[in-house]
Amino acid sequence: SFAFAALKTDASVVTWGLPTGGGDSRAVRASLSGVRDICSTRLAFAALKTDGSVVTWGAATYGGEAPDLPSGSSGEPVAIRSIG
């Protein structure tokens, strides 16, 4: 609602909108390549990469920082177990 993220044909991501709601992805921009899918909450985003890692950004209280994932800080891709 406040920010947008688009997955481009080259598997990179472009974002815009409310900076604190995920519209500003500069802190994780270097990690937003090789992206397969994007999910969002009201004020945060998660990008699933082709290598199985996840990058998060946006408001921490809405999942923009993923403390429950290994290494847990936004901007540091972490590997997760693949489902299916």
C-alpha atoms as a PDB file:
ATOM      1  CA  SER A   1       0.000   0.000   0.000  1.00  0.00           C
ATOM      2  CA  PHE A   2       2.820   2.396   0.810  1.00  0.00           C
ATOM      3  CA  ALA A   3       5.693   0.961  -1.231  1.00  0.00           C
ATOM      4  CA  PHE A   4       6.098  -1.238  -4.266  1.00  0.00           C
ATOM      5  CA  ALA A   5       8.660  -3.760  -5.496  1.00  0.00           C
ATOM      6  CA  ALA A   6       8.827  -5.136  -9.010  1.00  0.00           C
ATOM      7  CA  LEU A   7      10.727  -8.182 -10.185  1.00  0.00           C
ATOM      8  CA  LYS A   8      12.377  -7.389 -13.513  1.00  0.00           C
ATOM      9  CA  THR A   9      13.004  -9.835 -16.362  1.00  0.00           C
ATOM     10  CA  ASP A  10      16.732  -9.856 -15.511  1.00  0.00           C
ATOM     11  CA  ALA A  11      15.903 -11.188 -11.988  1.00  0.00           C
ATOM     12  CA  SER A  12      16.716  -7.863 -10.316  1.00  0.00           C
ATOM     13  CA  VAL A  13      14.313  -5.811  -8.192  1.00  0.00           C
ATOM     14  CA  VAL A  14      13.274  -2.181  -8.388  1.00  0.00           C
ATOM     15  CA  THR A  15      11.468  -0.463  -5.484  1.00  0.00           C
ATOM     16  CA  TRP A  16       9.670   2.833  -4.951  1.00  0.00           C
ATOM     17  CA  GLY A  17       7.310   4.501  -2.512  1.00  0.00           C
ATOM     18  CA  LEU A  18       7.492   5.104   1.239  1.00  0.00           C
ATOM     19  CA  PRO A  19      11.180   4.685   2.145  1.00  0.00           C
ATOM     20  CA  THR A  20      10.539   3.267   5.614  1.00  0.00           C
ATOM     21  CA  GLY A  21       8.000   0.812   4.220  1.00  0.00           C
ATOM     22  CA  GLY A  22      10.364  -0.831   1.771  1.00  0.00           C
ATOM     23  CA  GLY A  23      10.361   1.763  -0.982  1.00  0.00           C
ATOM     24  CA  ASP A  24      14.037   2.447  -0.334  1.00  0.00           C
ATOM     25  CA  SER A  25      16.059  -0.727  -0.901  1.00  0.00           C
ATOM     26  CA  ARG A  26      19.485   0.941  -1.161  1.00  0.00           C
ATOM     27  CA  ALA A  27      20.757  -0.907   1.926  1.00  0.00           C
ATOM     28  CA  VAL A  28      20.187  -4.275   0.209  1.00  0.00           C
ATOM     29  CA  ARG A  29      20.473  -3.288  -3.464  1.00  0.00           C
ATOM     30  CA  ALA A  30      23.689  -5.278  -3.971  1.00  0.00           C
ATOM     31  CA  SER A  31      21.836  -8.401  -2.811  1.00  0.00           C
ATOM     32  CA  LEU A  32      18.790  -7.925  -5.048  1.00  0.00           C
ATOM     33  CA  SER A  33      19.985  -9.877  -8.071  1.00  0.00           C
ATOM     34  CA  GLY A  34      19.137 -13.451  -8.946  1.00  0.00           C
ATOM     35  CA  VAL A  35      15.695 -13.006  -7.392  1.00  0.00           C
ATOM     36  CA  ARG A  36      13.008 -15.598  -8.118  1.00  0.00           C
ATOM     37  CA  ASP A  37      10.053 -14.209  -6.141  1.00  0.00           C
ATOM     38  CA  ILE A  38       9.020 -11.284  -3.927  1.00  0.00           C
ATOM     39  CA  CYS A  39       6.630 -11.336  -0.974  1.00  0.00           C
ATOM     40  CA  SER A  40       5.430  -8.405   1.058  1.00  0.00           C
ATOM     41  CA  THR A  41       3.717  -7.382   4.237  1.00  0.00           C
ATOM     42  CA  ARG A  42       2.178  -3.995   4.789  1.00  0.00           C
ATOM     43  CA  LEU A  43       5.536  -2.258   5.237  1.00  0.00           C
ATOM     44  CA  ALA A  44       8.276  -4.759   4.323  1.00  0.00           C
ATOM     45  CA  PHE A  45       9.458  -7.083   1.577  1.00  0.00           C
ATOM     46  CA  ALA A  46      11.263 -10.395   1.273  1.00  0.00           C
ATOM     47  CA  ALA A  47      12.985 -11.567  -1.894  1.00  0.00           C
ATOM     48  CA  LEU A  48      13.590 -15.277  -2.476  1.00  0.00           C
ATOM     49  CA  LYS A  49      16.709 -15.739  -4.546  1.00  0.00           C
ATOM     50  CA  THR A  50      17.480 -18.544  -6.962  1.00  0.00           C
ATOM     51  CA  ASP A  51      20.201 -19.828  -4.603  1.00  0.00           C
ATOM     52  CA  GLY A  52      17.629 -20.312  -1.811  1.00  0.00           C
ATOM     53  CA  SER A  53      18.648 -17.275   0.220  1.00  0.00           C
ATOM     54  CA  VAL A  54      16.230 -14.578   1.375  1.00  0.00           C
ATOM     55  CA  VAL A  55      16.792 -10.821   1.506  1.00  0.00           C
ATOM     56  CA  THR A  56      14.493  -8.629   3.607  1.00  0.00           C
ATOM     57  CA  TRP A  57      14.032  -4.860   3.800  1.00  0.00           C
ATOM     58  CA  GLY A  58      11.528  -2.314   5.064  1.00  0.00           C
ATOM     59  CA  ALA A  59      10.039  -1.745   8.511  1.00  0.00           C
ATOM     60  CA  ALA A  60      11.546  -4.146  11.051  1.00  0.00           C
ATOM     61  CA  THR A  61       8.261  -4.491  12.924  1.00  0.00           C
ATOM     62  CA  TYR A  62       6.642  -5.782   9.714  1.00  0.00           C
ATOM     63  CA  GLY A  63       9.384  -8.271   8.847  1.00  0.00           C
ATOM     64  CA  GLY A  64      11.887  -5.932   7.199  1.00  0.00           C
ATOM     65  CA  GLU A  65      14.576  -7.434   9.374  1.00  0.00           C
ATOM     66  CA  ALA A  66      14.391 -11.162   9.823  1.00  0.00           C
ATOM     67  CA  PRO A  67      15.795 -11.930  13.292  1.00  0.00           C
ATOM     68  CA  ASP A  68      14.381 -15.474  13.201  1.00  0.00           C
ATOM     69  CA  LEU A  69      16.488 -16.412  10.167  1.00  0.00           C
ATOM     70  CA  PRO A  70      20.131 -17.465  10.522  1.00  0.00           C
ATOM     71  CA  SER A  71      22.398 -14.389  10.472  1.00  0.00           C
ATOM     72  CA  GLY A  72      19.156 -12.460  10.870  1.00  0.00           C
ATOM     73  CA  SER A  73      20.041  -9.001   9.693  1.00  0.00           C
ATOM     74  CA  SER A  74      18.439  -7.255   6.785  1.00  0.00           C
ATOM     75  CA  GLY A  75      20.649  -7.050   3.760  1.00  0.00           C
ATOM     76  CA  GLU A  76      22.625 -10.199   4.496  1.00  0.00           C
ATOM     77  CA  PRO A  77      21.271 -13.042   2.383  1.00  0.00           C
ATOM     78  CA  VAL A  78      20.806 -16.244   4.318  1.00  0.00           C
ATOM     79  CA  ALA A  79      20.152 -19.745   3.039  1.00  0.00           C
ATOM     80  CA  ILE A  80      16.848 -21.350   3.950  1.00  0.00           C
ATOM     81  CA  ARG A  81      15.613 -24.877   3.369  1.00  0.00           C
ATOM     82  CA  SER A  82      13.699 -25.203   0.133  1.00  0.00           C
ATOM     83  CA  ILE A  83      10.081 -26.340   0.301  1.00  0.00           C
ATOM     84  CA  GLY A  84       9.156 -28.728  -2.504  1.00  0.00           C
END
